[in-house]
C-alpha atoms as a PDB file:
ATOM      1  CA  MET A   1      86.173  84.745 134.756  1.00  0.00           C
ATOM      2  CA  GLN A   2      86.302  87.634 132.290  1.00  0.00           C
ATOM      3  CA  ASN A   3      83.575  87.450 129.617  1.00  0.00           C
ATOM      4  CA  ILE A   4      85.498  87.885 126.402  1.00  0.00           C
ATOM      5  CA  VAL A   5      84.830  87.405 122.697  1.00  0.00           C
ATOM      6  CA  GLY A   6      87.580  87.254 120.077  1.00  0.00           C
ATOM      7  CA  ILE A   7      86.575  88.233 116.526  1.00  0.00           C
ATOM      8  CA  ASP A   8      88.344  87.866 113.181  1.00  0.00           C
ATOM      9  CA  ILE A   9      86.963  90.049 110.385  1.00  0.00           C
ATOM     10  CA  GLY A  10      87.929  89.364 106.771  1.00  0.00           C
ATOM     11  CA  GLY A  11      86.723  90.533 103.382  1.00  0.00           C
ATOM     12  CA  SER A  12      84.194  87.709 103.071  1.00  0.00           C
ATOM     13  CA  HIS A  13      83.539  86.517 106.610  1.00  0.00           C
ATOM     14  CA  ILE A  14      83.331  87.217 110.323  1.00  0.00           C
ATOM     15  CA  THR A  15      84.522  84.443 112.635  1.00  0.00           C
ATOM     16  CA  MET A  16      84.352  84.550 116.410  1.00  0.00           C
ATOM     17  CA  ALA A  17      84.098  82.680 119.689  1.00  0.00           C
ATOM     18  CA  GLN A  18      84.153  83.197 123.416  1.00  0.00           C
ATOM     19  CA  VAL A  19      87.641  82.667 124.837  1.00  0.00           C
ATOM     20  CA  ASP A  20      88.572  81.108 128.172  1.00  0.00           C
ATOM     21  CA  PRO A  21      91.415  83.348 129.401  1.00  0.00           C
ATOM     22  CA  GLU A  22      92.575  80.858 132.029  1.00  0.00           C
ATOM     23  CA  LYS A  23      92.751  77.832 129.745  1.00  0.00           C
ATOM     24  CA  ARG A  24      93.901  80.114 126.887  1.00  0.00           C
ATOM     25  CA  GLU A  25      91.598  78.455 124.406  1.00  0.00           C
ATOM     26  CA  ILE A  26      88.461  79.000 122.360  1.00  0.00           C
ATOM     27  CA  ILE A  27      85.178  77.786 123.845  1.00  0.00           C
ATOM     28  CA  SER A  28      84.266  75.719 120.788  1.00  0.00           C
ATOM     29  CA  SER A  29      80.527  75.556 121.527  1.00  0.00           C
ATOM     30  CA  THR A  30      80.332  79.356 120.991  1.00  0.00           C
ATOM     31  CA  TYR A  31      82.117  79.352 117.611  1.00  0.00           C
ATOM     32  CA  VAL A  32      80.298  81.334 114.894  1.00  0.00           C
ATOM     33  CA  ARG A  33      81.346  81.906 111.286  1.00  0.00           C
ATOM     34  CA  GLU A  34      79.138  83.977 108.975  1.00  0.00           C
ATOM     35  CA  HIS A  35      79.530  85.131 105.400  1.00  0.00           C
ATOM     36  CA  VAL A  36      79.745  88.928 105.086  1.00  0.00           C
ATOM     37  CA  ASN A  37      80.148  90.662 101.748  1.00  0.00           C
ATOM     38  CA  SER A  38      82.591  93.543 102.211  1.00  0.00           C
ATOM     39  CA  PHE A  39      81.126  95.236  99.109  1.00  0.00           C
ATOM     40  CA  ASP A  40      77.708  95.617 100.776  1.00  0.00           C
ATOM     41  CA  ASP A  41      76.435  98.919 102.169  1.00  0.00           C
ATOM     42  CA  LYS A  42      77.231 100.044 105.709  1.00  0.00           C
ATOM     43  CA  GLU A  43      73.911  98.988 107.249  1.00  0.00           C
ATOM     44  CA  THR A  44      74.035  95.474 105.755  1.00  0.00           C
ATOM     45  CA  ILE A  45      77.602  94.964 106.989  1.00  0.00           C
ATOM     46  CA  PHE A  46      76.857  96.159 110.517  1.00  0.00           C
ATOM     47  CA  SER A  47      73.646  94.124 110.710  1.00  0.00           C
ATOM     48  CA  ALA A  48      75.554  90.967 109.745  1.00  0.00           C
ATOM     49  CA  TRP A  49      78.314  91.686 112.282  1.00  0.00           C
ATOM     50  CA  ILE A  50      75.875  92.412 115.112  1.00  0.00           C
ATOM     51  CA  SER A  51      73.814  89.318 114.339  1.00  0.00           C
ATOM     52  CA  ALA A  52      76.932  87.120 114.526  1.00  0.00           C
ATOM     53  CA  ILE A  53      78.234  88.747 117.724  1.00  0.00           C
ATOM     54  CA  SER A  54      74.819  88.332 119.367  1.00  0.00           C
ATOM     55  CA  LYS A  55      74.860  84.591 118.577  1.00  0.00           C
ATOM     56  CA  THR A  56      78.250  84.165 120.257  1.00  0.00           C
ATOM     57  CA  SER A  57      77.653  86.381 123.292  1.00  0.00           C
ATOM     58  CA  HIS A  58      73.912  85.839 123.943  1.00  0.00           C
ATOM     59  CA  ASP A  59      74.579  84.165 127.317  1.00  0.00           C
ATOM     60  CA  LEU A  60      76.996  86.829 128.589  1.00  0.00           C
ATOM     61  CA  ALA A  61      76.276  89.991 130.576  1.00  0.00           C
ATOM     62  CA  GLN A  62      76.695  92.816 128.048  1.00  0.00           C
ATOM     63  CA  GLU A  63      77.972  95.374 130.579  1.00  0.00           C
ATOM     64  CA  ASP A  64      80.881  93.053 131.447  1.00  0.00           C
ATOM     65  CA  LEU A  65      81.600  91.980 127.867  1.00  0.00           C
ATOM     66  CA  LEU A  66      85.140  92.528 126.512  1.00  0.00           C
ATOM     67  CA  ILE A  67      85.602  92.372 122.730  1.00  0.00           C
ATOM     68  CA  GLY A  68      88.825  92.002 120.769  1.00  0.00           C
ATOM     69  CA  ILE A  69      88.655  92.374 116.982  1.00  0.00           C
ATOM     70  CA  ALA A  70      91.298  91.375 114.423  1.00  0.00           C
ATOM     71  CA  MET A  71      90.934  93.625 111.392  1.00  0.00           C
ATOM     72  CA  PRO A  72      92.817  94.034 108.109  1.00  0.00           C
ATOM     73  CA  GLY A  73      94.426  97.379 107.386  1.00  0.00           C
ATOM     74  CA  PRO A  74      94.661 100.174 106.653  1.00  0.00           C
ATOM     75  CA  PHE A  75      92.807 100.949 109.872  1.00  0.00           C
ATOM     76  CA  ASP A  76      93.061 103.341 112.833  1.00  0.00           C
ATOM     77  CA  TYR A  77      93.283 100.592 115.455  1.00  0.00           C
ATOM     78  CA  GLU A  78      93.352 102.852 118.502  1.00  0.00           C
ATOM     79  CA  ASN A  79      90.199 104.763 117.572  1.00  0.00           C
ATOM     80  CA  GLY A  80      88.437 102.012 115.618  1.00  0.00           C
ATOM     81  CA  ILE A  81      88.108 103.855 112.308  1.00  0.00           C
ATOM     82  CA  SER A  82      88.301 102.104 108.922  1.00  0.00           C
ATOM     83  CA  LEU A  83      90.757 103.628 106.442  1.00  0.00           C
ATOM     84  CA  MET A  84      90.197 101.026 103.695  1.00  0.00           C
ATOM     85  CA  LEU A  85      89.810 102.812 100.375  1.00  0.00           C
ATOM     86  CA  HIS A  86      90.472 100.022  97.885  1.00  0.00           C
ATOM     87  CA  GLY A  87      88.055  97.173  97.255  1.00  0.00           C
ATOM     88  CA  LYS A  88      86.637  95.896 100.503  1.00  0.00           C
ATOM     89  CA  PHE A  89      84.564  97.820 103.050  1.00  0.00           C
ATOM     90  CA  LEU A  90      84.313 100.969 100.921  1.00  0.00           C
ATOM     91  CA  ASP A  91      80.978 101.977 102.458  1.00  0.00           C
ATOM     92  CA  ILE A  92      82.437 102.117 105.971  1.00  0.00           C
ATOM     93  CA  TYR A  93      85.475 104.197 105.008  1.00  0.00           C
ATOM     94  CA  GLN A  94      86.161 106.680 107.862  1.00  0.00           C
ATOM     95  CA  VAL A  95      83.265 105.269 109.901  1.00  0.00           C
ATOM     96  CA  ASN A  96      83.985 104.946 113.634  1.00  0.00           C
ATOM     97  CA  ILE A  97      83.328 101.204 113.932  1.00  0.00           C
ATOM     98  CA  LYS A  98      84.107 101.172 117.646  1.00  0.00           C
ATOM     99  CA  GLU A  99      81.326 103.690 118.377  1.00  0.00           C
ATOM    100  CA  GLU A 100      78.866 101.965 116.018  1.00  0.00           C
ATOM    101  CA  LEU A 101      79.415  98.559 117.642  1.00  0.00           C
ATOM    102  CA  ALA A 102      79.298  99.980 121.177  1.00  0.00           C
ATOM    103  CA  LYS A 103      75.971 101.681 120.476  1.00  0.00           C
ATOM    104  CA  ARG A 104      74.385  98.661 118.789  1.00  0.00           C
ATOM    105  CA  LEU A 105      75.637  96.164 121.381  1.00  0.00           C
ATOM    106  CA  SER A 106      75.031  98.437 124.402  1.00  0.00           C
ATOM    107  CA  VAL A 107      78.622  98.149 125.620  1.00  0.00           C
ATOM    108  CA  SER A 108      81.146 100.851 126.490  1.00  0.00           C
ATOM    109  CA  THR A 109      83.665 101.864 123.801  1.00  0.00           C
ATOM    110  CA  ASP A 110      86.510 101.139 126.240  1.00  0.00           C
ATOM    111  CA  ARG A 111      85.471  97.452 126.168  1.00  0.00           C
ATOM    112  CA  ILE A 112      86.163  97.139 122.416  1.00  0.00           C
ATOM    113  CA  HIS A 113      89.734  96.852 121.104  1.00  0.00           C
ATOM    114  CA  PHE A 114      91.046  96.453 117.559  1.00  0.00           C
ATOM    115  CA  VAL A 115      94.285  94.820 116.465  1.00  0.00           C
ATOM    116  CA  ASN A 116      95.856  94.281 113.046  1.00  0.00           C
ATOM    117  CA  ASP A 117      95.007  90.812 111.693  1.00  0.00           C
ATOM    118  CA  ALA A 118      98.663  89.793 111.172  1.00  0.00           C
ATOM    119  CA  ALA A 119      99.555  90.927 114.707  1.00  0.00           C
ATOM    120  CA  ALA A 120      96.474  89.078 116.034  1.00  0.00           C
ATOM    121  CA  PHE A 121      97.750  85.841 114.469  1.00  0.00           C
ATOM    122  CA  MET A 122     100.997  86.279 116.409  1.00  0.00           C
ATOM    123  CA  GLU A 123      99.269  87.309 119.663  1.00  0.00           C
ATOM    124  CA  GLY A 124      97.182  84.137 119.406  1.00  0.00           C
ATOM    125  CA  GLU A 125     100.176  81.879 118.839  1.00  0.00           C
ATOM    126  CA  VAL A 126     101.987  83.431 121.818  1.00  0.00           C
ATOM    127  CA  PHE A 127      98.883  83.335 124.033  1.00  0.00           C
ATOM    128  CA  GLY A 128      97.654  79.813 123.332  1.00  0.00           C
ATOM    129  CA  GLY A 129      99.464  78.420 120.299  1.00  0.00           C
ATOM    130  CA  CYS A 130     102.779  76.929 119.261  1.00  0.00           C
ATOM    131  CA  VAL A 131     105.114  79.643 120.629  1.00  0.00           C
ATOM    132  CA  ARG A 132     103.914  80.079 124.218  1.00  0.00           C
ATOM    133  CA  GLY A 133     106.831  81.044 126.427  1.00  0.00           C
ATOM    134  CA  PHE A 134     108.996  82.590 123.698  1.00  0.00           C
ATOM    135  CA  LYS A 135     110.045  86.229 124.022  1.00  0.00           C
ATOM    136  CA  LYS A 136     111.155  87.145 120.480  1.00  0.00           C
ATOM    137  CA  VAL A 137     109.140  85.603 117.682  1.00  0.00           C
ATOM    138  CA  PHE A 138     108.831  86.403 113.988  1.00  0.00           C
ATOM    139  CA  GLY A 139     105.626  85.268 112.295  1.00  0.00           C
ATOM    140  CA  VAL A 140     104.883  84.798 108.603  1.00  0.00           C
ATOM    141  CA  THR A 141     101.494  83.945 107.111  1.00  0.00           C
ATOM    142  CA  LEU A 142     101.798  82.421 103.657  1.00  0.00           C
ATOM    143  CA  GLY A 143      98.553  82.332 101.680  1.00  0.00           C
ATOM    144  CA  THR A 144      96.689  84.548  99.221  1.00  0.00           C
ATOM    145  CA  GLY A 145      98.875  87.327 100.613  1.00  0.00           C
ATOM    146  CA  LEU A 146     102.024  87.626 102.722  1.00  0.00           C
ATOM    147  CA  GLY A 147     101.621  88.617 106.379  1.00  0.00           C
ATOM    148  CA  THR A 148     104.610  89.487 108.575  1.00  0.00           C
ATOM    149  CA  THR A 149     104.569  90.169 112.296  1.00  0.00           C
ATOM    150  CA  PHE A 150     107.053  90.430 115.183  1.00  0.00           C
ATOM    151  CA  TYR A 151     106.498  89.785 118.890  1.00  0.00           C
ATOM    152  CA  ASP A 152     109.008  91.546 121.156  1.00  0.00           C
ATOM    153  CA  GLY A 153     107.985  89.965 124.464  1.00  0.00           C
ATOM    154  CA  GLU A 154     105.161  92.437 125.085  1.00  0.00           C
ATOM    155  CA  LEU A 155     103.161  93.145 121.925  1.00  0.00           C
ATOM    156  CA  ALA A 156     102.992  91.883 118.358  1.00  0.00           C
ATOM    157  CA  THR A 157     103.348  94.424 115.557  1.00  0.00           C
ATOM    158  CA  ASP A 158     102.474  94.200 111.870  1.00  0.00           C
ATOM    159  CA  GLU A 159     105.790  94.482 110.003  1.00  0.00           C
ATOM    160  CA  ASP A 160     104.048  95.029 106.645  1.00  0.00           C
ATOM    161  CA  LEU A 161     106.844  93.548 104.516  1.00  0.00           C
ATOM    162  CA  TRP A 162     104.562  92.233 101.772  1.00  0.00           C
ATOM    163  CA  ASP A 163     105.441  94.992  99.297  1.00  0.00           C
ATOM    164  CA  SER A 164     109.146  95.306 100.156  1.00  0.00           C
ATOM    165  CA  PRO A 165     111.519  95.021  97.164  1.00  0.00           C
ATOM    166  CA  PHE A 166     112.428  91.430  96.305  1.00  0.00           C
ATOM    167  CA  LYS A 167     114.210  90.076  93.210  1.00  0.00           C
ATOM    168  CA  ASP A 168     112.604  91.919  90.287  1.00  0.00           C
ATOM    169  CA  SER A 169     109.351  92.741  92.085  1.00  0.00           C
ATOM    170  CA  ILE A 170     108.042  92.581  95.700  1.00  0.00           C
ATOM    171  CA  CYS A 171     108.098  89.868  98.389  1.00  0.00           C
ATOM    172  CA  GLU A 172     104.443  88.899  98.040  1.00  0.00           C
ATOM    173  CA  ASP A 173     104.845  88.098  94.330  1.00  0.00           C
ATOM    174  CA  TYR A 174     107.284  85.297  95.217  1.00  0.00           C
ATOM    175  CA  LEU A 175     105.849  84.002  98.491  1.00  0.00           C
ATOM    176  CA  ALA A 176     102.044  84.044  98.128  1.00  0.00           C
ATOM    177  CA  THR A 177      99.771  81.459  96.452  1.00  0.00           C
ATOM    178  CA  ARG A 178      99.787  83.291  93.122  1.00  0.00           C
ATOM    179  CA  TRP A 179     103.487  82.457  92.685  1.00  0.00           C
ATOM    180  CA  PHE A 180     102.656  78.711  92.672  1.00  0.00           C
ATOM    181  CA  VAL A 181      99.793  79.320  90.215  1.00  0.00           C
ATOM    182  CA  ASN A 182     101.933  81.419  87.856  1.00  0.00           C
ATOM    183  CA  ARG A 183     105.020  79.198  88.054  1.00  0.00           C
ATOM    184  CA  TYR A 184     103.066  76.016  87.388  1.00  0.00           C
ATOM    185  CA  GLN A 185     101.431  77.605  84.347  1.00  0.00           C
ATOM    186  CA  GLU A 186     104.831  78.790  83.054  1.00  0.00           C
ATOM    187  CA  LEU A 187     106.244  75.268  83.314  1.00  0.00           C
ATOM    188  CA  THR A 188     103.260  73.232  82.112  1.00  0.00           C
ATOM    189  CA  GLY A 189     100.755  75.567  80.443  1.00  0.00           C
ATOM    190  CA  GLU A 190      98.151  74.204  82.868  1.00  0.00           C
ATOM    191  CA  GLN A 191      96.179  75.731  85.750  1.00  0.00           C
ATOM    192  CA  ILE A 192      96.287  74.962  89.476  1.00  0.00           C
ATOM    193  CA  SER A 193      94.656  76.933  92.299  1.00  0.00           C
ATOM    194  CA  GLY A 194      97.498  76.548  94.819  1.00  0.00           C
ATOM    195  CA  THR A 195      99.703  74.145  96.783  1.00  0.00           C
ATOM    196  CA  LYS A 196      96.862  71.699  97.472  1.00  0.00           C
ATOM    197  CA  ASP A 197      96.470  71.068  93.724  1.00  0.00           C
ATOM    198  CA  LEU A 198     100.233  70.889  93.255  1.00  0.00           C
ATOM    199  CA  LEU A 199     100.420  67.933  95.658  1.00  0.00           C
ATOM    200  CA  ASP A 200      98.383  65.882  93.155  1.00  0.00           C
ATOM    201  CA  LYS A 201     100.868  66.500  90.341  1.00  0.00           C
ATOM    202  CA  PRO A 202     103.914  64.389  89.303  1.00  0.00           C
ATOM    203  CA  ALA A 203     106.775  64.278  91.830  1.00  0.00           C
ATOM    204  CA  GLU A 204     109.271  65.868  89.424  1.00  0.00           C
ATOM    205  CA  ILE A 205     107.279  69.084  88.922  1.00  0.00           C
ATOM    206  CA  GLN A 206     106.392  69.226  92.636  1.00  0.00           C
ATOM    207  CA  THR A 207     110.067  69.006  93.591  1.00  0.00           C
ATOM    208  CA  GLN A 208     111.147  71.699  91.142  1.00  0.00           C
ATOM    209  CA  ILE A 209     108.503  74.176  92.257  1.00  0.00           C
ATOM    210  CA  PHE A 210     108.867  73.547  96.001  1.00  0.00           C
ATOM    211  CA  ASP A 211     112.666  73.818  95.703  1.00  0.00           C
ATOM    212  CA  GLU A 212     112.366  77.185  93.966  1.00  0.00           C
ATOM    213  CA  TYR A 213     109.907  78.344  96.617  1.00  0.00           C
ATOM    214  CA  ALA A 214     112.240  77.199  99.428  1.00  0.00           C
ATOM    215  CA  ASP A 215     115.064  79.220  97.849  1.00  0.00           C
ATOM    216  CA  SER A 216     112.920  82.357  97.685  1.00  0.00           C
ATOM    217  CA  PHE A 217     111.562  81.937 101.220  1.00  0.00           C
ATOM    218  CA  ALA A 218     115.075  81.474 102.633  1.00  0.00           C
ATOM    219  CA  GLU A 219     116.295  84.525 100.696  1.00  0.00           C
ATOM    220  CA  PHE A 220     113.437  86.520 102.223  1.00  0.00           C
ATOM    221  CA  ILE A 221     114.429  85.390 105.753  1.00  0.00           C
ATOM    222  CA  VAL A 222     118.082  86.338 105.128  1.00  0.00           C
ATOM    223  CA  LYS A 223     117.178  89.732 103.690  1.00  0.00           C
ATOM    224  CA  TYR A 224     114.321  90.867 105.926  1.00  0.00           C
ATOM    225  CA  VAL A 225     113.920  88.679 109.034  1.00  0.00           C
ATOM    226  CA  ASP A 226     117.372  87.706 110.309  1.00  0.00           C
ATOM    227  CA  HIS A 227     118.170  91.158 111.720  1.00  0.00           C
ATOM    228  CA  TYR A 228     115.250  90.856 114.170  1.00  0.00           C
ATOM    229  CA  LYS A 229     117.206  87.979 115.771  1.00  0.00           C
ATOM    230  CA  PRO A 230     114.059  86.003 116.654  1.00  0.00           C
ATOM    231  CA  GLU A 231     114.282  82.919 118.875  1.00  0.00           C
ATOM    232  CA  VAL A 232     111.811  81.125 116.620  1.00  0.00           C
ATOM    233  CA  LEU A 233     109.930  81.507 113.333  1.00  0.00           C
ATOM    234  CA  VAL A 234     106.224  80.652 113.294  1.00  0.00           C
ATOM    235  CA  ILE A 235     104.505  80.001 109.966  1.00  0.00           C
ATOM    236  CA  GLY A 236     100.761  80.096 109.312  1.00  0.00           C
ATOM    237  CA  GLY A 237      98.504  80.297 106.269  1.00  0.00           C
ATOM    238  CA  ASN A 238      97.534  77.626 103.734  1.00  0.00           C
ATOM    239  CA  ILE A 239     101.032  77.262 102.272  1.00  0.00           C
ATOM    240  CA  ALA A 240     102.300  76.308 105.759  1.00  0.00           C
ATOM    241  CA  LYS A 241     100.336  73.060 105.398  1.00  0.00           C
ATOM    242  CA  ALA A 242     102.732  72.115 102.577  1.00  0.00           C
ATOM    243  CA  TYR A 243     105.844  72.974 104.658  1.00  0.00           C
ATOM    244  CA  PRO A 244     107.128  69.349 104.796  1.00  0.00           C
ATOM    245  CA  HIS A 245     107.548  69.530 101.006  1.00  0.00           C
ATOM    246  CA  PHE A 246     110.009  72.452 101.141  1.00  0.00           C
ATOM    247  CA  GLU A 247     111.332  72.208 104.716  1.00  0.00           C
ATOM    248  CA  ALA A 248     114.633  70.397 104.059  1.00  0.00           C
ATOM    249  CA  ARG A 249     115.746  72.746 101.284  1.00  0.00           C
ATOM    250  CA  PHE A 250     114.587  75.833 103.239  1.00  0.00           C
ATOM    251  CA  ILE A 251     116.569  74.833 106.370  1.00  0.00           C
ATOM    252  CA  GLN A 252     119.569  73.915 104.241  1.00  0.00           C
ATOM    253  CA  ASN A 253     119.561  77.408 102.700  1.00  0.00           C
ATOM    254  CA  LEU A 254     119.322  79.077 106.116  1.00  0.00           C
ATOM    255  CA  THR A 255     122.204  76.965 107.432  1.00  0.00           C
ATOM    256  CA  LYS A 256     124.354  78.026 104.452  1.00  0.00           C
ATOM    257  CA  ASN A 257     123.765  81.609 105.590  1.00  0.00           C
ATOM    258  CA  ASN A 258     124.684  80.783 109.213  1.00  0.00           C
ATOM    259  CA  ILE A 259     121.088  81.142 110.376  1.00  0.00           C
ATOM    260  CA  ASN A 260     119.991  78.596 112.959  1.00  0.00           C
ATOM    261  CA  LEU A 261     116.307  79.382 113.340  1.00  0.00           C
ATOM    262  CA  PRO A 262     113.819  76.893 114.806  1.00  0.00           C
ATOM    263  CA  VAL A 263     110.559  76.761 112.833  1.00  0.00           C
ATOM    264  CA  LYS A 264     107.107  76.112 114.291  1.00  0.00           C
ATOM    265  CA  ILE A 265     104.013  75.538 112.172  1.00  0.00           C
ATOM    266  CA  SER A 266     100.752  76.981 113.468  1.00  0.00           C
ATOM    267  CA  ALA A 267      98.478  74.310 114.899  1.00  0.00           C
ATOM    268  CA  ILE A 268      95.496  76.633 115.332  1.00  0.00           C
ATOM    269  CA  PHE A 269      95.624  78.535 112.006  1.00  0.00           C
ATOM    270  CA  GLU A 270      92.425  80.646 111.680  1.00  0.00           C
ATOM    271  CA  ASP A 271      91.695  80.330 115.396  1.00  0.00           C
ATOM    272  CA  ALA A 272      94.968  82.138 116.158  1.00  0.00           C
ATOM    273  CA  ALA A 273      93.455  85.493 115.147  1.00  0.00           C
ATOM    274  CA  ILE A 274      90.413  84.928 117.404  1.00  0.00           C
ATOM    275  CA  LEU A 275      92.612  83.988 120.381  1.00  0.00           C
ATOM    276  CA  GLY A 276      94.990  86.834 119.572  1.00  0.00           C
ATOM    277  CA  ALA A 277      92.255  89.473 119.354  1.00  0.00           C
ATOM    278  CA  ALA A 278      90.918  88.329 122.735  1.00  0.00           C
ATOM    279  CA  SER A 279      94.338  88.271 124.406  1.00  0.00           C
ATOM    280  CA  TYR A 280      95.128  91.730 122.991  1.00  0.00           C
ATOM    281  CA  ALA A 281      91.888  93.081 124.490  1.00  0.00           C
ATOM    282  CA  LEU A 282      92.873  91.555 127.844  1.00  0.00           C
ATOM    283  CA  LYS A 283      96.245  93.340 127.663  1.00  0.00           C
ATOM    284  CA  LYS A 284      94.528  96.656 126.910  1.00  0.00           C
ATOM    285  CA  LEU A 285      92.129  96.094 129.808  1.00  0.00           C
ATOM    286  CA  LYS A 286      95.030  95.723 132.212  1.00  0.00           C
END
């Protein structure tokens, strides 16, 4: 069996595990999650990454090790070079991460592959998640930001629709967690941190806010997703956990627009990016 590690790198963490390519699942006993501060200097960041990878892969032969890494953009995924200039990972801007990791882990650069984090979510869902067997899938991650990705039967791509024009602003302003925070404050003058808090509030205010969100989400699908003609829509991110509270209105709005789109909710959430990074590396190997 191929020795493979899937890695998900975010602004505050690195999460990883060995993946069983035949069972298409994470080997849970190898799961590692470590805090990494993206504002640290280059050496501190790399030391933290290497330490975590070593914990996950310590029992594997390094020369045979295959590594797939889900990474936020902007990033040169083919060459493994960070292009992030705003906020996180400033000290590794234009650093060849692929070469640095290969050198420190004593593996060949052609055994390390990077994929966009939104695309990795989709690759994971297709490989071992809720949309195995589908050929055309659109994926949306609803959380602190808006992620959009499309799988065409071969590869997932990051569609990067977060900042596309929508109503009087951009898509992300209406579909990410901050919309719930801002709307609740407008209506009540009080603070919530997101949908989890909203579920503890009176039914009347919940219904109003979830209905408005369902309307916006359906409008987004009509405007930006329908032309892809996906067989299925897969939703991930923290807001997806509240889907039952806006599902009926959302589907009703799609039906009004003659869109009959089955919806699947991610069952593996964060693990999807780990599985997806690993499966992407396997594709590149072949």
